[in-house]
Amino acid sequence: MAERFISIREVTDRVSLCRTEIYDRMRAGKFPQSVALGPQKVVWVESEIDAWMQARIENAEDGIDWRRWRARKAVNSRGDRKVAA
């Protein structure tokens, strides 16, 4: 099957993440990198997005750990109490 490019709109629809979260994860190396087609147009390779989604399904426990980390961070940032790690 031939590779296919998909736009940011299709990427956000497929992965249910906002544009900002996608770019944050790209910077962190946790999301496939975009491909520049021109000065104002970037796309993603469909098979790379599909592979990323499959990896998230196979490693669903990672999402739980991430949510726990975010919850701890939010509570700790309040300063009035700490949460045990």
N, C-alpha and C. Protein backbone atom coordinates (compact mmCIF):
# COMPACT_ATOMS: atom_id res chain seq x y z
N MET A 1 0.84 -1.19 0.00
CA MET A 1 0.00 0.00 0.00
C MET A 1 0.88 1.25 0.00
N ALA A 2 0.52 2.21 -0.77
CA ALA A 2 1.30 3.45 -0.87
C ALA A 2 1.11 4.30 0.38
N GLU A 3 2.18 5.01 0.73
CA GLU A 3 2.11 5.94 1.87
C GLU A 3 1.17 7.09 1.51
N ARG A 4 0.54 7.65 2.54
CA ARG A 4 -0.38 8.75 2.34
C ARG A 4 -0.10 9.82 3.38
N PHE A 5 -0.15 11.08 2.96
CA PHE A 5 0.00 12.20 3.88
C PHE A 5 -1.37 12.57 4.43
N ILE A 6 -1.39 12.99 5.71
CA ILE A 6 -2.62 13.48 6.29
C ILE A 6 -2.36 14.82 6.97
N SER A 7 -3.36 15.67 6.98
CA SER A 7 -3.24 17.03 7.51
C SER A 7 -3.39 17.03 9.04
N ILE A 8 -3.09 18.16 9.64
CA ILE A 8 -3.24 18.32 11.08
C ILE A 8 -4.69 18.10 11.49
N ARG A 9 -5.62 18.53 10.67
CA ARG A 9 -7.05 18.33 10.99
C ARG A 9 -7.37 16.84 11.10
N GLU A 10 -6.89 16.06 10.14
CA GLU A 10 -7.15 14.63 10.18
C GLU A 10 -6.41 13.97 11.34
N VAL A 11 -5.20 14.43 11.63
CA VAL A 11 -4.44 13.89 12.76
C VAL A 11 -5.20 14.15 14.07
N THR A 12 -5.66 15.38 14.27
CA THR A 12 -6.38 15.70 15.51
C THR A 12 -7.67 14.88 15.61
N ASP A 13 -8.36 14.69 14.50
CA ASP A 13 -9.57 13.87 14.52
C ASP A 13 -9.26 12.41 14.87
N ARG A 14 -8.18 11.89 14.34
CA ARG A 14 -7.84 10.49 14.58
C ARG A 14 -7.36 10.21 16.00
N VAL A 15 -6.52 11.08 16.52
CA VAL A 15 -5.89 10.78 17.81
C VAL A 15 -6.58 11.47 18.98
N SER A 16 -7.54 12.33 18.71
CA SER A 16 -8.31 13.03 19.75
C SER A 16 -7.43 13.86 20.68
N LEU A 17 -6.40 14.46 20.11
CA LEU A 17 -5.57 15.40 20.85
C LEU A 17 -5.67 16.74 20.14
N CYS A 18 -5.55 17.83 20.91
CA CYS A 18 -5.57 19.14 20.28
C CYS A 18 -4.23 19.40 19.60
N ARG A 19 -4.21 20.39 18.76
CA ARG A 19 -3.01 20.76 18.01
C ARG A 19 -1.83 21.06 18.94
N THR A 20 -2.09 21.82 20.01
CA THR A 20 -1.03 22.17 20.95
C THR A 20 -0.42 20.94 21.59
N GLU A 21 -1.26 19.98 22.00
CA GLU A 21 -0.75 18.75 22.62
C GLU A 21 0.07 17.94 21.64
N ILE A 22 -0.35 17.90 20.39
CA ILE A 22 0.41 17.18 19.37
C ILE A 22 1.81 17.78 19.23
N TYR A 23 1.88 19.11 19.11
CA TYR A 23 3.19 19.75 18.96
C TYR A 23 4.04 19.62 20.22
N ASP A 24 3.42 19.68 21.40
CA ASP A 24 4.16 19.46 22.65
C ASP A 24 4.77 18.06 22.69
N ARG A 25 3.97 17.07 22.29
CA ARG A 25 4.47 15.70 22.27
C ARG A 25 5.54 15.50 21.20
N MET A 26 5.41 16.19 20.08
CA MET A 26 6.45 16.10 19.05
C MET A 26 7.77 16.63 19.60
N ARG A 27 7.73 17.78 20.29
CA ARG A 27 8.95 18.35 20.87
C ARG A 27 9.57 17.42 21.90
N ALA A 28 8.72 16.68 22.61
CA ALA A 28 9.20 15.75 23.63
C ALA A 28 9.63 14.41 23.03
N GLY A 29 9.45 14.24 21.72
CA GLY A 29 9.82 12.99 21.07
C GLY A 29 8.82 11.87 21.32
N LYS A 30 7.57 12.23 21.66
CA LYS A 30 6.56 11.22 21.97
C LYS A 30 5.42 11.18 20.96
N PHE A 31 5.67 11.75 19.79
CA PHE A 31 4.67 11.75 18.72
C PHE A 31 5.42 11.82 17.40
N PRO A 32 4.89 11.21 16.35
CA PRO A 32 5.58 11.25 15.06
C PRO A 32 5.81 12.69 14.58
N GLN A 33 6.94 12.91 13.96
CA GLN A 33 7.29 14.23 13.44
C GLN A 33 6.52 14.52 12.15
N SER A 34 6.23 15.78 11.95
CA SER A 34 5.56 16.21 10.73
C SER A 34 6.56 16.30 9.58
N VAL A 35 6.03 16.39 8.37
CA VAL A 35 6.84 16.54 7.16
C VAL A 35 6.43 17.85 6.51
N ALA A 36 7.38 18.73 6.26
CA ALA A 36 7.07 20.02 5.63
C ALA A 36 6.95 19.83 4.12
N LEU A 37 5.82 20.27 3.58
CA LEU A 37 5.63 20.23 2.13
C LEU A 37 5.88 21.59 1.49
N GLY A 38 5.89 22.60 2.30
CA GLY A 38 6.11 23.96 1.82
C GLY A 38 6.27 24.87 3.02
N PRO A 39 6.39 26.16 2.79
CA PRO A 39 6.63 27.08 3.90
C PRO A 39 5.47 27.16 4.90
N GLN A 40 4.26 26.83 4.48
CA GLN A 40 3.11 26.92 5.38
C GLN A 40 2.27 25.66 5.39
N LYS A 41 2.84 24.54 5.01
CA LYS A 41 2.06 23.30 4.96
C LYS A 41 2.88 22.15 5.52
N VAL A 42 2.37 21.55 6.60
CA VAL A 42 2.99 20.35 7.15
C VAL A 42 1.95 19.24 7.18
N VAL A 43 2.43 18.03 7.04
CA VAL A 43 1.57 16.85 7.04
C VAL A 43 2.26 15.74 7.83
N TRP A 44 1.54 14.68 8.08
CA TRP A 44 2.10 13.51 8.75
C TRP A 44 1.92 12.31 7.85
N VAL A 45 2.78 11.33 8.02
CA VAL A 45 2.68 10.08 7.26
C VAL A 45 1.64 9.21 7.99
N GLU A 46 0.62 8.82 7.26
CA GLU A 46 -0.51 8.10 7.85
C GLU A 46 -0.06 6.84 8.60
N SER A 47 0.85 6.08 8.03
CA SER A 47 1.28 4.83 8.67
C SER A 47 1.99 5.09 9.99
N GLU A 48 2.68 6.24 10.12
CA GLU A 48 3.35 6.58 11.38
C GLU A 48 2.33 6.92 12.46
N ILE A 49 1.26 7.61 12.07
CA ILE A 49 0.19 7.92 13.03
C ILE A 49 -0.51 6.64 13.45
N ASP A 50 -0.79 5.77 12.48
CA ASP A 50 -1.43 4.48 12.80
C ASP A 50 -0.56 3.66 13.76
N ALA A 51 0.75 3.64 13.52
CA ALA A 51 1.67 2.89 14.39
C ALA A 51 1.70 3.49 15.80
N TRP A 52 1.69 4.83 15.89
CA TRP A 52 1.67 5.50 17.18
C TRP A 52 0.40 5.14 17.94
N MET A 53 -0.74 5.14 17.25
CA MET A 53 -2.00 4.79 17.89
C MET A 53 -1.98 3.34 18.38
N GLN A 54 -1.46 2.43 17.57
CA GLN A 54 -1.38 1.03 17.96
C GLN A 54 -0.49 0.85 19.18
N ALA A 55 0.61 1.58 19.23
CA ALA A 55 1.51 1.51 20.39
C ALA A 55 0.81 2.00 21.65
N ARG A 56 -0.02 3.05 21.53
CA ARG A 56 -0.76 3.54 22.69
C ARG A 56 -1.73 2.48 23.18
N ILE A 57 -2.36 1.77 22.27
CA ILE A 57 -3.29 0.70 22.65
C ILE A 57 -2.54 -0.42 23.37
N GLU A 58 -1.40 -0.81 22.81
CA GLU A 58 -0.63 -1.89 23.41
C GLU A 58 -0.02 -1.51 24.75
N ASN A 59 0.23 -0.23 24.97
CA ASN A 59 0.82 0.25 26.22
C ASN A 59 -0.16 1.13 26.99
N ALA A 60 -1.40 0.67 27.10
CA ALA A 60 -2.44 1.48 27.75
C ALA A 60 -2.07 1.85 29.18
N GLU A 61 -1.28 1.04 29.84
CA GLU A 61 -0.87 1.32 31.21
C GLU A 61 -0.08 2.62 31.30
N ASP A 62 0.65 2.98 30.25
CA ASP A 62 1.41 4.24 30.23
C ASP A 62 0.49 5.44 30.44
N GLY A 63 -0.68 5.40 29.85
CA GLY A 63 -1.62 6.50 30.00
C GLY A 63 -2.09 6.66 31.43
N ILE A 64 -2.27 5.55 32.13
CA ILE A 64 -2.68 5.61 33.52
C ILE A 64 -1.57 6.24 34.35
N ASP A 65 -0.33 5.84 34.12
CA ASP A 65 0.80 6.42 34.85
C ASP A 65 0.89 7.92 34.58
N TRP A 66 0.68 8.33 33.34
CA TRP A 66 0.76 9.74 32.98
C TRP A 66 -0.32 10.53 33.72
N ARG A 67 -1.55 9.98 33.76
CA ARG A 67 -2.64 10.67 34.45
C ARG A 67 -2.36 10.78 35.94
N ARG A 68 -1.79 9.74 36.53
CA ARG A 68 -1.42 9.81 37.95
C ARG A 68 -0.37 10.88 38.18
N TRP A 69 0.63 10.95 37.30
CA TRP A 69 1.67 11.96 37.42
C TRP A 69 1.08 13.36 37.34
N ARG A 70 0.17 13.58 36.36
CA ARG A 70 -0.46 14.90 36.22
C ARG A 70 -1.28 15.26 37.44
N ALA A 71 -2.00 14.28 37.99
CA ALA A 71 -2.81 14.54 39.19
C ALA A 71 -1.92 14.92 40.36
N ARG A 72 -0.82 14.17 40.56
CA ARG A 72 0.11 14.49 41.64
C ARG A 72 0.69 15.89 41.46
N LYS A 73 1.06 16.20 40.23
CA LYS A 73 1.64 17.51 39.93
C LYS A 73 0.63 18.63 40.23
N ALA A 74 -0.62 18.43 39.86
CA ALA A 74 -1.64 19.45 40.10
C ALA A 74 -1.86 19.66 41.60
N VAL A 75 -1.94 18.58 42.35
CA VAL A 75 -2.15 18.69 43.80
C VAL A 75 -0.93 19.33 44.45
N ASN A 76 0.26 18.88 44.08
CA ASN A 76 1.48 19.44 44.68
C ASN A 76 1.67 20.91 44.35
N SER A 77 1.18 21.34 43.21
CA SER A 77 1.34 22.75 42.83
C SER A 77 0.48 23.67 43.69
N ARG A 78 -0.54 23.12 44.33
CA ARG A 78 -1.38 23.92 45.20
C ARG A 78 -0.63 24.37 46.45
N GLY A 79 0.35 23.60 46.85
CA GLY A 79 1.19 23.99 47.98
C GLY A 79 0.59 23.69 49.34
N ASP A 80 -0.70 23.40 49.41
CA ASP A 80 -1.31 23.18 50.72
C ASP A 80 -1.16 21.74 51.20
N ARG A 81 -0.85 20.82 50.31
CA ARG A 81 -0.62 19.43 50.73
C ARG A 81 0.17 18.71 49.64
N LYS A 82 0.80 17.63 50.04
CA LYS A 82 1.59 16.83 49.11
C LYS A 82 0.95 15.46 48.95
N VAL A 83 1.20 14.85 47.81
CA VAL A 83 0.71 13.50 47.54
C VAL A 83 1.91 12.59 47.47
N ALA A 84 1.79 11.46 48.11
CA ALA A 84 2.89 10.48 48.10
C ALA A 84 3.06 9.93 46.70
N ALA A 85 4.32 9.69 46.33
CA ALA A 85 4.61 9.15 45.00
C ALA A 85 4.35 7.72 44.92
